[in-house]
Amino acid sequence: MGVAAGPIRVVVAKPGLDGHDRGAKVIARALRDAGMEVIYTGLHQTPEQVVDTAIQEDADAIGLSILSGAHNTLFARVLELLKEREAEDILVFGGGIIPEADIAPLKEKGVAEIFTPGATTTSIVEWVRANVRQPAGA
């Protein structure tokens, strides 16, 4: 990351078999309304598709929405693919139905933040603004 020109670019993705995307669309709209460029991938994306999209779109961050219970597997695979593709500068955050006990292990793997039900769109927008494209030493 660094100081890049233009608005923050975020890929919002629904990986896996989860078929409910209302929350992802609400977050995508909130980020867009806050002046960010948002690329929404749609439902049933593979981790490979998510990472490919993020790299092709020169994204600063990936926001994963997972309600299916496959968060440990899907987050880990996205992070693994980013490392393989030398794109670890793309920040990964997520939300959905994620048990409290799984949050710390996900963060240890490299997920920057997890938002659970009840998180406000304002808090998510503020977090993205505060954590994406921060210059070294900031």
C-alpha atoms as a PDB file:
ATOM      1  CA  MET A   1       0.000   0.000   0.000  1.00  0.00           C
ATOM      2  CA  GLY A   2       1.016   3.562  -0.249  1.00  0.00           C
ATOM      3  CA  VAL A   3      -0.434   6.837  -1.314  1.00  0.00           C
ATOM      4  CA  ALA A   4      -2.140   6.179  -4.623  1.00  0.00           C
ATOM      5  CA  ALA A   5      -4.026   8.604  -6.809  1.00  0.00           C
ATOM      6  CA  GLY A   6      -7.780   8.459  -7.005  1.00  0.00           C
ATOM      7  CA  PRO A   7     -10.387   6.978  -4.741  1.00  0.00           C
ATOM      8  CA  ILE A   8      -9.927   3.852  -2.665  1.00  0.00           C
ATOM      9  CA  ARG A   9     -10.875   0.778  -4.736  1.00  0.00           C
ATOM     10  CA  VAL A  10     -12.620  -2.079  -2.944  1.00  0.00           C
ATOM     11  CA  VAL A  11     -13.744  -5.436  -4.306  1.00  0.00           C
ATOM     12  CA  VAL A  12     -16.795  -6.663  -2.393  1.00  0.00           C
ATOM     13  CA  ALA A  13     -17.194 -10.402  -2.853  1.00  0.00           C
ATOM     14  CA  LYS A  14     -19.502 -13.263  -1.894  1.00  0.00           C
ATOM     15  CA  PRO A  15     -17.296 -16.359  -2.056  1.00  0.00           C
ATOM     16  CA  GLY A  16     -18.625 -19.864  -1.763  1.00  0.00           C
ATOM     17  CA  LEU A  17     -22.126 -21.240  -1.945  1.00  0.00           C
ATOM     18  CA  ASP A  18     -23.823 -18.582   0.170  1.00  0.00           C
ATOM     19  CA  GLY A  19     -26.800 -17.200  -1.735  1.00  0.00           C
ATOM     20  CA  HIS A  20     -27.690 -14.192   0.431  1.00  0.00           C
ATOM     21  CA  ASP A  21     -26.101 -10.922  -0.670  1.00  0.00           C
ATOM     22  CA  ARG A  22     -28.213  -8.135   0.808  1.00  0.00           C
ATOM     23  CA  GLY A  23     -25.549  -7.217   3.390  1.00  0.00           C
ATOM     24  CA  ALA A  24     -22.790  -7.194   0.781  1.00  0.00           C
ATOM     25  CA  LYS A  25     -24.864  -4.883  -1.399  1.00  0.00           C
ATOM     26  CA  VAL A  26     -25.556  -2.551   1.539  1.00  0.00           C
ATOM     27  CA  ILE A  27     -21.822  -2.344   2.293  1.00  0.00           C
ATOM     28  CA  ALA A  28     -20.965  -1.854  -1.385  1.00  0.00           C
ATOM     29  CA  ARG A  29     -23.424   1.018  -1.596  1.00  0.00           C
ATOM     30  CA  ALA A  30     -22.152   2.612   1.638  1.00  0.00           C
ATOM     31  CA  LEU A  31     -18.548   2.489   0.407  1.00  0.00           C
ATOM     32  CA  ARG A  32     -19.605   3.876  -2.974  1.00  0.00           C
ATOM     33  CA  ASP A  33     -21.611   6.680  -1.340  1.00  0.00           C
ATOM     34  CA  ALA A  34     -18.504   7.509   0.707  1.00  0.00           C
ATOM     35  CA  GLY A  35     -16.593   8.161  -2.518  1.00  0.00           C
ATOM     36  CA  MET A  36     -14.866   4.826  -2.974  1.00  0.00           C
ATOM     37  CA  GLU A  37     -14.836   2.810  -6.178  1.00  0.00           C
ATOM     38  CA  VAL A  38     -16.544  -0.511  -5.526  1.00  0.00           C
ATOM     39  CA  ILE A  39     -16.452  -3.613  -7.681  1.00  0.00           C
ATOM     40  CA  TYR A  40     -19.128  -6.084  -6.597  1.00  0.00           C
ATOM     41  CA  THR A  41     -18.401  -9.599  -7.862  1.00  0.00           C
ATOM     42  CA  GLY A  42     -21.832 -11.129  -7.359  1.00  0.00           C
ATOM     43  CA  LEU A  43     -22.761 -14.443  -5.777  1.00  0.00           C
ATOM     44  CA  HIS A  44     -20.957 -17.796  -5.782  1.00  0.00           C
ATOM     45  CA  GLN A  45     -17.435 -16.589  -6.487  1.00  0.00           C
ATOM     46  CA  THR A  46     -14.431 -18.829  -5.999  1.00  0.00           C
ATOM     47  CA  PRO A  47     -11.465 -17.452  -4.075  1.00  0.00           C
ATOM     48  CA  GLU A  48      -9.551 -17.568  -7.376  1.00  0.00           C
ATOM     49  CA  GLN A  49     -12.164 -15.372  -9.063  1.00  0.00           C
ATOM     50  CA  VAL A  50     -12.116 -12.903  -6.172  1.00  0.00           C
ATOM     51  CA  VAL A  51      -8.331 -12.555  -6.235  1.00  0.00           C
ATOM     52  CA  ASP A  52      -8.240 -12.340 -10.031  1.00  0.00           C
ATOM     53  CA  THR A  53     -10.814  -9.542  -9.934  1.00  0.00           C
ATOM     54  CA  ALA A  54      -8.936  -7.653  -7.216  1.00  0.00           C
ATOM     55  CA  ILE A  55      -5.677  -7.810  -9.162  1.00  0.00           C
ATOM     56  CA  GLN A  56      -7.274  -6.935 -12.508  1.00  0.00           C
ATOM     57  CA  GLU A  57      -9.133  -4.012 -10.958  1.00  0.00           C
ATOM     58  CA  ASP A  58      -6.053  -2.765  -9.085  1.00  0.00           C
ATOM     59  CA  ALA A  59      -8.013  -2.937  -5.843  1.00  0.00           C
ATOM     60  CA  ASP A  60      -6.715  -1.603  -2.558  1.00  0.00           C
ATOM     61  CA  ALA A  61      -8.885  -3.961  -0.510  1.00  0.00           C
ATOM     62  CA  ILE A  62     -11.153  -6.985  -0.658  1.00  0.00           C
ATOM     63  CA  GLY A  63     -14.251  -7.140   1.510  1.00  0.00           C
ATOM     64  CA  LEU A  64     -15.582 -10.682   1.873  1.00  0.00           C
ATOM     65  CA  SER A  65     -19.130 -11.339   3.019  1.00  0.00           C
ATOM     66  CA  ILE A  66     -19.669 -14.866   4.300  1.00  0.00           C
ATOM     67  CA  LEU A  67     -22.789 -16.256   5.928  1.00  0.00           C
ATOM     68  CA  SER A  68     -22.347 -19.918   5.028  1.00  0.00           C
ATOM     69  CA  GLY A  69     -19.984 -20.976   7.808  1.00  0.00           C
ATOM     70  CA  ALA A  70     -17.076 -21.517   5.412  1.00  0.00           C
ATOM     71  CA  HIS A  71     -15.235 -18.381   6.549  1.00  0.00           C
ATOM     72  CA  ASN A  72     -12.140 -20.186   7.873  1.00  0.00           C
ATOM     73  CA  THR A  73     -11.568 -21.982   4.571  1.00  0.00           C
ATOM     74  CA  LEU A  74     -12.519 -19.126   2.236  1.00  0.00           C
ATOM     75  CA  PHE A  75     -10.594 -16.358   4.004  1.00  0.00           C
ATOM     76  CA  ALA A  76      -7.516 -18.580   4.229  1.00  0.00           C
ATOM     77  CA  ARG A  77      -7.663 -19.420   0.529  1.00  0.00           C
ATOM     78  CA  VAL A  78      -8.021 -15.775  -0.528  1.00  0.00           C
ATOM     79  CA  LEU A  79      -5.021 -14.832   1.616  1.00  0.00           C
ATOM     80  CA  GLU A  80      -3.013 -17.771   0.234  1.00  0.00           C
ATOM     81  CA  LEU A  81      -3.779 -16.758  -3.356  1.00  0.00           C
ATOM     82  CA  LEU A  82      -2.846 -13.131  -2.704  1.00  0.00           C
ATOM     83  CA  LYS A  83       0.501 -14.324  -1.362  1.00  0.00           C
ATOM     84  CA  GLU A  84       1.052 -16.629  -4.353  1.00  0.00           C
ATOM     85  CA  ARG A  85       0.249 -13.772  -6.738  1.00  0.00           C
ATOM     86  CA  GLU A  86       2.509 -11.334  -4.816  1.00  0.00           C
ATOM     87  CA  ALA A  87      -0.486  -9.133  -4.079  1.00  0.00           C
ATOM     88  CA  GLU A  88      -0.346  -9.105  -0.293  1.00  0.00           C
ATOM     89  CA  ASP A  89      -0.647  -5.315  -0.359  1.00  0.00           C
ATOM     90  CA  ILE A  90      -4.377  -5.826  -1.000  1.00  0.00           C
ATOM     91  CA  LEU A  91      -6.005  -5.565   2.422  1.00  0.00           C
ATOM     92  CA  VAL A  92      -8.599  -8.248   3.252  1.00  0.00           C
ATOM     93  CA  PHE A  93     -11.490  -7.579   5.597  1.00  0.00           C
ATOM     94  CA  GLY A  94     -14.815  -9.256   5.988  1.00  0.00           C
ATOM     95  CA  GLY A  95     -18.072  -9.706   7.695  1.00  0.00           C
ATOM     96  CA  GLY A  96     -21.073 -11.897   8.130  1.00  0.00           C
ATOM     97  CA  ILE A  97     -22.017 -14.667  10.490  1.00  0.00           C
ATOM     98  CA  ILE A  98     -18.626 -15.352  12.020  1.00  0.00           C
ATOM     99  CA  PRO A  99     -18.425 -16.744  15.560  1.00  0.00           C
ATOM    100  CA  GLU A 100     -16.474 -14.668  18.054  1.00  0.00           C
ATOM    101  CA  ALA A 101     -14.131 -17.624  18.649  1.00  0.00           C
ATOM    102  CA  ASP A 102     -13.072 -17.584  14.979  1.00  0.00           C
ATOM    103  CA  ILE A 103     -12.223 -13.876  14.754  1.00  0.00           C
ATOM    104  CA  ALA A 104      -8.799 -13.921  16.467  1.00  0.00           C
ATOM    105  CA  PRO A 105      -7.544 -16.918  14.434  1.00  0.00           C
ATOM    106  CA  LEU A 106      -8.688 -15.227  11.203  1.00  0.00           C
ATOM    107  CA  LYS A 107      -6.825 -12.067  12.154  1.00  0.00           C
ATOM    108  CA  GLU A 108      -3.722 -14.126  12.967  1.00  0.00           C
ATOM    109  CA  LYS A 109      -3.880 -15.520   9.418  1.00  0.00           C
ATOM    110  CA  GLY A 110      -3.916 -12.001   7.996  1.00  0.00           C
ATOM    111  CA  VAL A 111      -7.521 -10.825   7.844  1.00  0.00           C
ATOM    112  CA  ALA A 112      -7.325  -7.150   8.770  1.00  0.00           C
ATOM    113  CA  GLU A 113     -10.782  -6.822  10.340  1.00  0.00           C
ATOM    114  CA  ILE A 114     -14.036  -8.707  10.828  1.00  0.00           C
ATOM    115  CA  PHE A 115     -17.411  -7.002  11.082  1.00  0.00           C
ATOM    116  CA  THR A 116     -20.204  -8.998  12.654  1.00  0.00           C
ATOM    117  CA  PRO A 117     -23.971  -8.409  12.510  1.00  0.00           C
ATOM    118  CA  GLY A 118     -24.815  -5.044  14.011  1.00  0.00           C
ATOM    119  CA  ALA A 119     -21.739  -3.257  12.670  1.00  0.00           C
ATOM    120  CA  THR A 120     -22.837   0.041  11.192  1.00  0.00           C
ATOM    121  CA  THR A 121     -22.072   1.091   7.647  1.00  0.00           C
ATOM    122  CA  THR A 122     -20.512   4.233   9.118  1.00  0.00           C
ATOM    123  CA  SER A 123     -18.077   2.210  11.234  1.00  0.00           C
ATOM    124  CA  ILE A 124     -17.099   0.098   8.211  1.00  0.00           C
ATOM    125  CA  VAL A 125     -16.570   3.153   5.984  1.00  0.00           C
ATOM    126  CA  GLU A 126     -14.499   4.839   8.694  1.00  0.00           C
ATOM    127  CA  TRP A 127     -12.413   1.696   9.196  1.00  0.00           C
ATOM    128  CA  VAL A 128     -11.697   1.379   5.464  1.00  0.00           C
ATOM    129  CA  ARG A 129     -10.708   5.052   5.248  1.00  0.00           C
ATOM    130  CA  ALA A 130      -8.427   4.701   8.276  1.00  0.00           C
ATOM    131  CA  ASN A 131      -6.760   1.433   7.235  1.00  0.00           C
ATOM    132  CA  VAL A 132      -6.449   1.399   3.471  1.00  0.00           C
ATOM    133  CA  ARG A 133      -3.555   3.180   1.740  1.00  0.00           C
ATOM    134  CA  GLN A 134      -1.803   4.215   4.901  1.00  0.00           C
ATOM    135  CA  PRO A 135       1.727   5.445   4.227  1.00  0.00           C
ATOM    136  CA  ALA A 136       4.552   3.577   5.950  1.00  0.00           C
ATOM    137  CA  GLY A 137       5.059   4.819   9.497  1.00  0.00           C
ATOM    138  CA  ALA A 138       1.598   6.393   9.713  1.00  0.00           C
END
